[in-house]
Amino acid sequence: MNNLREHFNALTTLLLQTQTYWRSVAFHHAELPWMAQHPTLVTRLLALSLAQTEKLASDASTLLTFFENEISGATKLATLSNLPVLVHNPLATVNPRFYAGMPGRKWQQIQAFAACCTDSPLPILEWCAGKSYLGFYLQHLQQNKVNALEWDADLVQQANSRAKHSDSNLHSHQVDVLSADVLTHIQPLQQVVALHACGELHERLLKLCVAQKVQQLHLAPCCYHKRQDELYQPLSHQGEKLNLALNKTELHTAVMETVTAGANVQRQRKHLQIMRLGFDCLQRDITGNQQFLDLPSLPAKWARADFKDFCFHCADLKNITLPLDINWQHYQQLGEQRFKQVSALDLVRFLFRRPLEVWLALDRALLLQEQGYSVQLGTFCPSHVTPRNILIQAYLP
């Protein structure tokens, strides 16, 4: 579907028609709104082994096949979620020393992103640059001046040291992009690039580019849920008109595909979720509260914790007094059982990950189009390189 507005309207209509399936999270609810209407589907899901569930969760096409005869509109949603592959320009080869120390997938992402950027005489501004790997590569390819913005002083220092060592015309600046200080760096005659800028950070960029009439923008959004406000306010006029009223949990659904996560990270995430669910079963029995008890984000060390220590820490956070005679093995097993059930039931919600992500990307593309930009929306690399492979490119005539 070439017309962005038509594409957005069609996707919005179908997402509203199917919202019963993607609004509720199995992690929080024992019963989901769609379960009563789909007893056969519930039986099929709960019969899956954990290995089968994990395979379905990581393979969008297999997941669609599993659901297409059960959930009306699933096939059409998949069609509306398909974006064109953007044109890749040939790139000059570089010495392997150039990307030494860079994670392999990161280098693949940077190459693919850069290949979609047309050669331009305009100076480059890299937004939320980190160590400015992307900026270095674009400076090498285009020989243009690069200014990079990053809030972490250590990363800024590393980028500037590398630039000095390699005699690269790149300058990294320590800037909080949400502050007013960033305004001095946004100029009309620029090409602005951002690879995986999160939530409010890339929303800020979009608004500033529009306000300053920046000539070119290349943006790969990420982590739409990382924001202060609980409810998402659409950026485009069309988005405001056809508002899905997404909350943070629903925004998070859009970016839950994590095929690039390492085995150790996935193992720790699984262990943490099992402990959370086990603690929830425990707190329900102790307090009588049958609602899911949400917890604040925990430091990474808790993903490696013992279940008993984890429960005492969570109880302390929630001012719950735990008795001394708890059968810890019993509640950990309940957590494991609940995790298997939750993982299977949440496959239904996972069917809507990409449609929601495309909806959010279209909202951003429409904002730019409404402000007079010529906009291209597509993918810059395969999903196995990164699931966050959507690229928005905008040019002022």
Protein backbone atom coordinates (compact mmCIF):
# COMPACT_ATOMS: atom_id res chain seq x y z
CA MET A 1 0.00 0.00 0.00
CA ASN A 2 1.87 3.07 -1.27
CA ASN A 3 -0.27 5.81 0.28
CA LEU A 4 0.81 6.35 3.90
CA ARG A 5 -2.54 7.77 4.99
CA GLU A 6 -4.54 4.93 3.45
CA HIS A 7 -2.16 2.41 4.97
CA PHE A 8 -2.48 4.05 8.40
CA ASN A 9 -6.28 4.20 8.19
CA ALA A 10 -6.62 0.54 7.18
CA LEU A 11 -4.25 -0.62 9.91
CA THR A 12 -6.00 1.51 12.55
CA THR A 13 -9.40 0.06 11.62
CA LEU A 14 -8.17 -3.52 11.89
CA LEU A 15 -6.29 -2.93 15.15
CA LEU A 16 -9.43 -1.46 16.71
CA GLN A 17 -11.48 -4.42 15.50
CA THR A 18 -9.04 -6.86 17.09
CA GLN A 19 -8.12 -4.96 20.25
CA THR A 20 -9.63 -7.66 22.48
CA TYR A 21 -6.62 -9.81 21.58
CA TRP A 22 -3.79 -7.33 22.22
CA ARG A 23 -4.89 -5.01 25.03
CA SER A 24 -4.60 -7.54 27.90
CA VAL A 25 -1.36 -9.12 29.12
CA ALA A 26 -1.34 -12.73 30.28
CA PHE A 27 1.41 -11.94 32.79
CA HIS A 28 -1.08 -9.79 34.71
CA HIS A 29 -4.34 -11.70 34.28
CA ALA A 30 -5.37 -15.30 34.86
CA GLU A 31 -8.25 -14.91 32.39
CA LEU A 32 -8.04 -12.91 29.15
CA PRO A 33 -11.07 -11.36 27.37
CA TRP A 34 -10.76 -13.55 24.25
CA MET A 35 -10.45 -16.90 26.04
CA ALA A 36 -14.18 -17.57 26.52
CA GLN A 37 -14.82 -17.18 22.77
CA HIS A 38 -11.89 -19.43 21.79
CA PRO A 39 -11.86 -22.55 24.00
CA THR A 40 -10.27 -24.66 21.24
CA LEU A 41 -7.48 -22.12 20.81
CA VAL A 42 -6.87 -22.05 24.57
CA THR A 43 -6.55 -25.84 24.55
CA ARG A 44 -4.11 -25.73 21.64
CA LEU A 45 -1.99 -23.08 23.33
CA LEU A 46 -1.82 -24.76 26.73
CA ALA A 47 -0.82 -28.04 25.08
CA LEU A 48 2.35 -26.44 23.70
CA SER A 49 5.69 -27.27 25.28
CA LEU A 50 7.82 -24.34 26.39
CA ALA A 51 10.21 -25.04 23.53
CA GLN A 52 7.34 -24.91 21.02
CA THR A 53 6.09 -21.66 22.55
CA GLU A 54 9.52 -20.07 22.32
CA LYS A 55 9.86 -21.13 18.68
CA LEU A 56 6.49 -19.60 17.80
CA ALA A 57 7.34 -16.41 19.68
CA SER A 58 10.52 -15.96 17.63
CA ASP A 59 9.10 -16.75 14.19
CA ALA A 60 6.44 -14.35 12.91
CA SER A 61 5.48 -16.41 9.85
CA THR A 62 5.02 -19.63 11.86
CA LEU A 63 3.05 -17.70 14.47
CA LEU A 64 0.73 -16.38 11.75
CA THR A 65 0.17 -19.89 10.41
CA PHE A 66 -0.71 -21.08 13.92
CA PHE A 67 -3.39 -18.39 14.34
CA GLU A 68 -4.67 -17.54 10.85
CA ASN A 69 -7.68 -19.89 11.01
CA GLU A 70 -8.55 -18.90 14.58
CA ILE A 71 -8.24 -15.11 14.65
CA SER A 72 -10.21 -13.16 12.07
CA GLY A 73 -8.10 -10.53 10.33
CA ALA A 74 -4.73 -12.10 11.20
CA THR A 75 -3.67 -12.55 7.58
CA LYS A 76 -4.76 -9.04 6.60
CA LEU A 77 -2.87 -7.63 9.59
CA ALA A 78 0.28 -9.41 8.44
CA THR A 79 -0.15 -7.95 4.95
CA LEU A 80 -0.57 -4.44 6.34
CA SER A 81 2.55 -4.95 8.46
CA ASN A 82 4.76 -5.73 5.48
CA LEU A 83 6.93 -2.76 4.56
CA PRO A 84 9.06 -2.45 1.41
CA VAL A 85 12.80 -3.04 1.57
CA LEU A 86 14.50 0.30 1.02
CA VAL A 87 17.01 0.76 -1.79
CA HIS A 88 20.57 0.04 -0.72
CA ASN A 89 23.38 2.01 -2.35
CA PRO A 90 26.74 0.26 -2.92
CA LEU A 91 29.28 0.98 -0.17
CA ALA A 92 33.03 1.19 -0.36
CA THR A 93 34.84 -1.54 1.55
CA VAL A 94 36.71 -0.59 4.71
CA ASN A 95 39.69 -2.05 6.50
CA PRO A 96 38.57 -4.46 9.29
CA ARG A 97 40.46 -2.26 11.75
CA PHE A 98 37.75 0.33 11.13
CA TYR A 99 35.10 -1.69 12.97
CA ALA A 100 37.38 -3.55 15.39
CA GLY A 101 35.72 -3.89 18.78
CA MET A 102 32.27 -3.22 17.39
CA PRO A 103 29.65 -5.93 18.05
CA GLY A 104 28.99 -7.90 14.87
CA ARG A 105 25.26 -7.22 14.62
CA LYS A 106 25.83 -3.55 15.37
CA TRP A 107 28.23 -3.32 12.44
CA GLN A 108 25.70 -5.05 10.18
CA GLN A 109 23.00 -2.59 11.30
CA ILE A 110 25.26 0.40 10.68
CA GLN A 111 26.23 -0.80 7.21
CA ALA A 112 22.61 -1.42 6.24
CA PHE A 113 21.48 1.95 7.65
CA ALA A 114 24.28 3.80 5.85
CA ALA A 115 23.52 2.05 2.57
CA CYS A 116 20.03 3.57 2.64
CA CYS A 117 21.34 7.11 3.14
CA THR A 118 21.82 8.93 -0.14
CA ASP A 119 25.16 10.63 -0.67
CA SER A 120 24.72 14.25 0.41
CA PRO A 121 26.93 17.34 0.76
CA LEU A 122 25.08 18.34 3.95
CA PRO A 123 26.85 18.11 7.32
CA ILE A 124 25.63 15.27 9.53
CA LEU A 125 24.10 15.41 13.00
CA GLU A 126 23.97 12.09 14.84
CA TRP A 127 21.30 11.96 17.53
CA CYS A 128 21.77 9.84 20.70
CA ALA A 129 25.07 8.76 19.22
CA GLY A 130 26.60 6.54 21.92
CA LYS A 131 30.19 5.93 20.78
CA SER A 132 29.18 7.38 17.39
CA TYR A 133 29.97 4.25 15.40
CA LEU A 134 27.37 5.29 12.81
CA GLY A 135 28.75 8.83 12.62
CA PHE A 136 32.29 7.56 12.04
CA TYR A 137 31.15 5.34 9.21
CA LEU A 138 29.07 8.04 7.51
CA GLN A 139 31.95 10.52 7.86
CA HIS A 140 34.24 7.97 6.23
CA LEU A 141 31.77 7.41 3.36
CA GLN A 142 30.61 10.98 2.70
CA GLN A 143 33.59 12.96 4.00
CA ASN A 144 31.19 15.43 5.63
CA LYS A 145 31.56 17.04 9.04
CA VAL A 146 29.74 15.10 11.76
CA ASN A 147 28.45 16.48 15.05
CA ALA A 148 27.31 13.78 17.46
CA LEU A 149 25.06 14.32 20.48
CA GLU A 150 25.26 12.01 23.49
CA TRP A 151 24.49 12.51 27.20
CA ASP A 152 27.00 9.96 28.58
CA ALA A 153 30.29 11.79 29.17
CA ASP A 154 32.37 8.61 28.96
CA LEU A 155 30.95 7.70 25.54
CA VAL A 156 31.53 11.26 24.34
CA GLN A 157 35.15 11.06 25.44
CA GLN A 158 35.62 7.71 23.69
CA ALA A 159 34.14 9.07 20.45
CA ASN A 160 36.32 12.17 20.49
CA SER A 161 39.45 10.17 21.28
CA ARG A 162 38.77 7.87 18.36
CA ALA A 163 38.10 10.84 16.08
CA LYS A 164 41.42 12.44 17.07
CA HIS A 165 43.32 9.19 16.64
CA SER A 166 41.86 8.53 13.18
CA ASP A 167 41.91 12.19 12.08
CA SER A 168 38.15 12.07 11.50
CA ASN A 169 36.07 15.24 11.16
CA LEU A 170 33.71 14.16 13.92
CA HIS A 171 32.94 16.04 17.11
CA SER A 172 30.92 14.49 19.92
CA HIS A 173 29.11 16.78 22.37
CA GLN A 174 27.73 15.94 25.79
CA VAL A 175 24.12 17.08 25.54
CA ASP A 176 20.83 16.05 27.10
CA VAL A 177 18.67 16.02 23.97
CA LEU A 178 15.55 16.66 26.07
CA SER A 179 17.01 19.96 27.31
CA ALA A 180 16.94 23.39 25.67
CA ASP A 181 20.70 23.12 25.09
CA VAL A 182 20.09 20.88 22.10
CA LEU A 183 18.51 23.70 20.10
CA THR A 184 21.88 25.17 19.19
CA HIS A 185 22.80 21.95 17.36
CA ILE A 186 19.70 21.70 15.14
CA GLN A 187 20.19 23.55 11.85
CA PRO A 188 18.05 23.52 8.67
CA LEU A 189 20.88 22.56 6.31
CA GLN A 190 21.70 19.24 7.90
CA GLN A 191 21.13 15.55 7.44
CA VAL A 192 20.13 14.16 10.83
CA VAL A 193 20.63 10.45 11.54
CA ALA A 194 19.43 8.38 14.49
CA LEU A 195 19.86 4.63 14.78
CA HIS A 196 17.63 3.20 17.51
CA ALA A 197 16.88 6.35 19.48
CA CYS A 198 14.36 5.48 22.18
CA GLY A 199 10.86 6.75 22.90
CA GLU A 200 10.74 10.38 23.93
CA LEU A 201 14.25 10.94 22.58
CA HIS A 202 13.28 10.30 18.98
CA GLU A 203 9.92 12.04 19.43
CA ARG A 204 11.86 15.12 20.54
CA LEU A 205 14.02 14.81 17.43
CA LEU A 206 11.01 14.62 15.12
CA LYS A 207 9.42 17.72 16.63
CA LEU A 208 12.67 19.72 16.45
CA CYS A 209 13.34 18.69 12.86
CA VAL A 210 9.87 19.81 11.85
CA ALA A 211 10.16 23.09 13.76
CA GLN A 212 13.62 23.89 12.31
CA LYS A 213 12.78 22.54 8.82
CA VAL A 214 15.80 20.25 8.78
CA GLN A 215 16.58 19.24 5.21
CA GLN A 216 17.02 15.47 5.67
CA LEU A 217 16.16 12.95 8.38
CA HIS A 218 17.02 9.25 8.63
CA LEU A 219 15.43 7.72 11.74
CA ALA A 220 15.20 4.12 12.96
CA PRO A 221 12.92 4.37 16.04
CA CYS A 222 13.17 2.09 19.06
CA CYS A 223 11.60 1.47 22.49
CA TYR A 224 8.42 3.51 22.02
CA HIS A 225 7.40 2.78 25.62
CA LYS A 226 10.37 4.61 27.17
CA ARG A 227 8.56 7.81 28.08
CA GLN A 228 7.25 9.72 31.07
CA ASP A 229 3.55 9.83 30.18
CA GLU A 230 1.48 6.69 30.62
CA LEU A 231 -0.67 7.34 27.54
CA TYR A 232 0.78 7.84 24.09
CA GLN A 233 -0.19 11.04 22.30
CA PRO A 234 -0.04 10.51 18.50
CA LEU A 235 2.31 12.86 16.69
CA SER A 236 0.44 13.29 13.42
CA HIS A 237 -2.93 14.97 12.88
CA GLN A 238 -4.22 11.72 11.41
CA GLY A 239 -2.95 9.85 14.44
CA GLU A 240 -4.78 12.23 16.76
CA LYS A 241 -7.93 11.71 14.73
CA LEU A 242 -7.66 7.90 14.77
CA ASN A 243 -6.13 7.49 18.22
CA LEU A 244 -5.64 3.93 19.43
CA ALA A 245 -5.19 5.25 23.01
CA LEU A 246 -2.07 3.18 23.61
CA ASN A 247 -0.62 2.90 27.10
CA LYS A 248 2.98 2.03 28.02
CA THR A 249 2.30 -1.70 28.16
CA GLU A 250 0.79 -1.66 24.68
CA LEU A 251 3.69 0.44 23.38
CA HIS A 252 6.04 -2.15 24.85
CA THR A 253 4.21 -4.90 22.97
CA ALA A 254 5.39 -3.29 19.72
CA VAL A 255 9.05 -3.95 20.55
CA MET A 256 8.88 -7.31 22.33
CA GLU A 257 10.41 -9.32 19.51
CA THR A 258 13.97 -9.95 20.73
CA VAL A 259 15.56 -12.43 18.35
CA THR A 260 18.91 -10.70 18.78
CA ALA A 261 19.09 -11.25 22.55
CA GLY A 262 21.93 -13.56 23.63
CA ALA A 263 21.26 -16.94 25.23
CA ASN A 264 22.46 -15.74 28.64
CA VAL A 265 20.22 -12.65 28.52
CA GLN A 266 17.22 -14.77 27.55
CA ARG A 267 17.98 -17.23 30.37
CA GLN A 268 18.17 -14.45 32.96
CA ARG A 269 14.98 -12.84 31.66
CA LYS A 270 13.16 -16.16 31.92
CA HIS A 271 14.44 -16.75 35.48
CA LEU A 272 13.36 -13.26 36.54
CA GLN A 273 9.87 -13.73 35.11
CA ILE A 274 9.48 -17.09 36.83
CA MET A 275 10.46 -15.51 40.15
CA ARG A 276 8.08 -12.61 39.63
CA LEU A 277 5.21 -14.99 38.92
CA GLY A 278 6.16 -17.22 41.85
CA PHE A 279 6.22 -14.21 44.16
CA ASP A 280 2.83 -13.11 42.82
CA CYS A 281 1.34 -16.51 43.67
CA LEU A 282 2.89 -16.21 47.15
CA GLN A 283 1.61 -12.67 47.81
CA ARG A 284 -1.91 -13.66 46.74
CA ASP A 285 -1.98 -16.46 49.32
CA ILE A 286 -0.53 -14.26 52.07
CA THR A 287 -2.44 -11.02 51.49
CA GLY A 288 -5.63 -12.31 49.89
CA ASN A 289 -5.10 -9.78 47.10
CA GLN A 290 -6.08 -11.55 43.89
CA GLN A 291 -4.86 -8.76 41.61
CA PHE A 292 -1.44 -8.93 40.01
CA LEU A 293 1.05 -7.05 42.16
CA ASP A 294 3.25 -4.94 39.93
CA LEU A 295 6.85 -4.32 40.93
CA PRO A 296 9.27 -1.54 40.03
CA SER A 297 12.11 -2.24 37.62
CA LEU A 298 14.83 -4.19 39.37
CA PRO A 299 18.61 -4.01 38.88
CA ALA A 300 20.07 -6.69 36.61
CA LYS A 301 21.63 -8.53 39.57
CA TRP A 302 18.20 -9.79 40.64
CA ALA A 303 17.95 -11.88 37.48
CA ARG A 304 20.68 -14.06 39.03
CA ALA A 305 19.20 -14.14 42.53
CA ASP A 306 17.96 -17.03 44.62
CA PHE A 307 14.14 -17.27 44.68
CA LYS A 308 13.90 -16.90 48.45
CA ASP A 309 16.09 -13.77 48.48
CA PHE A 310 14.12 -12.36 45.57
CA CYS A 311 10.81 -12.82 47.40
CA PHE A 312 12.05 -11.17 50.59
CA HIS A 313 13.33 -8.23 48.54
CA CYS A 314 9.99 -7.84 46.71
CA ALA A 315 8.02 -8.18 49.93
CA ASP A 316 10.15 -5.44 51.45
CA LEU A 317 9.48 -3.20 48.45
CA LYS A 318 5.72 -3.71 48.90
CA ASN A 319 5.68 -3.64 52.74
CA ILE A 320 4.53 -7.25 52.96
CA THR A 321 5.57 -9.36 55.95
CA LEU A 322 6.42 -12.90 54.95
CA PRO A 323 5.97 -15.82 57.40
CA LEU A 324 8.98 -17.96 58.24
CA ASP A 325 7.51 -21.34 57.24
CA ILE A 326 7.14 -20.81 53.48
CA ASN A 327 7.54 -23.77 51.14
CA TRP A 328 9.84 -22.00 48.69
CA GLN A 329 10.05 -24.94 46.31
CA HIS A 330 6.26 -25.02 46.02
CA TYR A 331 5.99 -21.36 45.02
CA GLN A 332 8.91 -21.55 42.65
CA GLN A 333 7.18 -24.48 40.93
CA LEU A 334 3.96 -22.44 40.76
CA GLY A 335 6.00 -19.68 39.12
CA GLU A 336 7.35 -22.14 36.56
CA GLN A 337 3.87 -23.48 35.82
CA ARG A 338 2.46 -19.99 35.53
CA PHE A 339 5.36 -18.95 33.26
CA LYS A 340 4.61 -21.81 30.86
CA GLN A 341 0.92 -20.84 30.78
CA VAL A 342 1.62 -17.11 30.41
CA SER A 343 4.14 -17.69 27.62
CA ALA A 344 1.63 -19.72 25.63
CA LEU A 345 -1.34 -17.38 26.10
CA ASP A 346 0.75 -14.30 25.31
CA LEU A 347 1.42 -15.68 21.83
CA VAL A 348 -1.94 -14.19 20.87
CA ARG A 349 -0.73 -10.72 21.86
CA PHE A 350 2.59 -11.33 20.12
CA LEU A 351 0.73 -11.69 16.83
CA PHE A 352 0.16 -7.92 17.07
CA ARG A 353 3.74 -6.84 17.81
CA ARG A 354 4.62 -5.85 14.27
CA PRO A 355 1.22 -4.30 13.40
CA LEU A 356 1.50 -2.01 16.43
CA GLU A 357 5.10 -1.12 15.58
CA VAL A 358 4.16 -0.30 11.98
CA TRP A 359 1.23 1.80 13.24
CA LEU A 360 3.62 3.85 15.38
CA ALA A 361 6.09 4.22 12.52
CA LEU A 362 3.30 5.37 10.20
CA ASP A 363 2.25 7.98 12.77
CA ARG A 364 5.78 9.38 12.67
CA ALA A 365 5.95 9.25 8.89
CA LEU A 366 2.61 11.05 8.61
CA LEU A 367 3.79 13.82 10.95
CA LEU A 368 6.64 14.52 8.55
CA GLN A 369 4.46 14.23 5.46
CA GLU A 370 1.90 16.64 6.94
CA GLN A 371 4.73 19.15 7.41
CA GLY A 372 5.73 19.08 3.76
CA TYR A 373 8.39 16.35 3.74
CA SER A 374 8.74 13.70 1.08
CA VAL A 375 8.76 10.50 3.14
CA GLN A 376 9.90 6.94 2.59
CA LEU A 377 9.04 4.20 5.07
CA GLY A 378 10.54 0.74 4.84
CA THR A 379 13.02 -1.73 6.26
CA PHE A 380 16.78 -1.23 6.14
CA CYS A 381 17.88 -4.73 7.17
CA PRO A 382 16.45 -8.23 7.80
CA SER A 383 14.83 -8.87 11.18
CA HIS A 384 17.54 -11.35 12.19
CA VAL A 385 20.01 -8.43 12.18
CA THR A 386 17.63 -6.41 14.35
CA PRO A 387 13.83 -6.64 14.80
CA ARG A 388 13.85 -2.82 14.99
CA ASN A 389 14.53 -2.59 11.28
CA ILE A 390 12.09 0.16 10.28
CA LEU A 391 13.65 3.27 8.77
CA ILE A 392 11.88 6.60 8.22
CA GLN A 393 13.52 8.85 5.64
CA ALA A 394 12.31 12.38 5.07
CA TYR A 395 13.45 15.10 2.66
CA LEU A 396 12.32 18.67 2.20
CA PRO A 397 11.84 19.57 -1.48
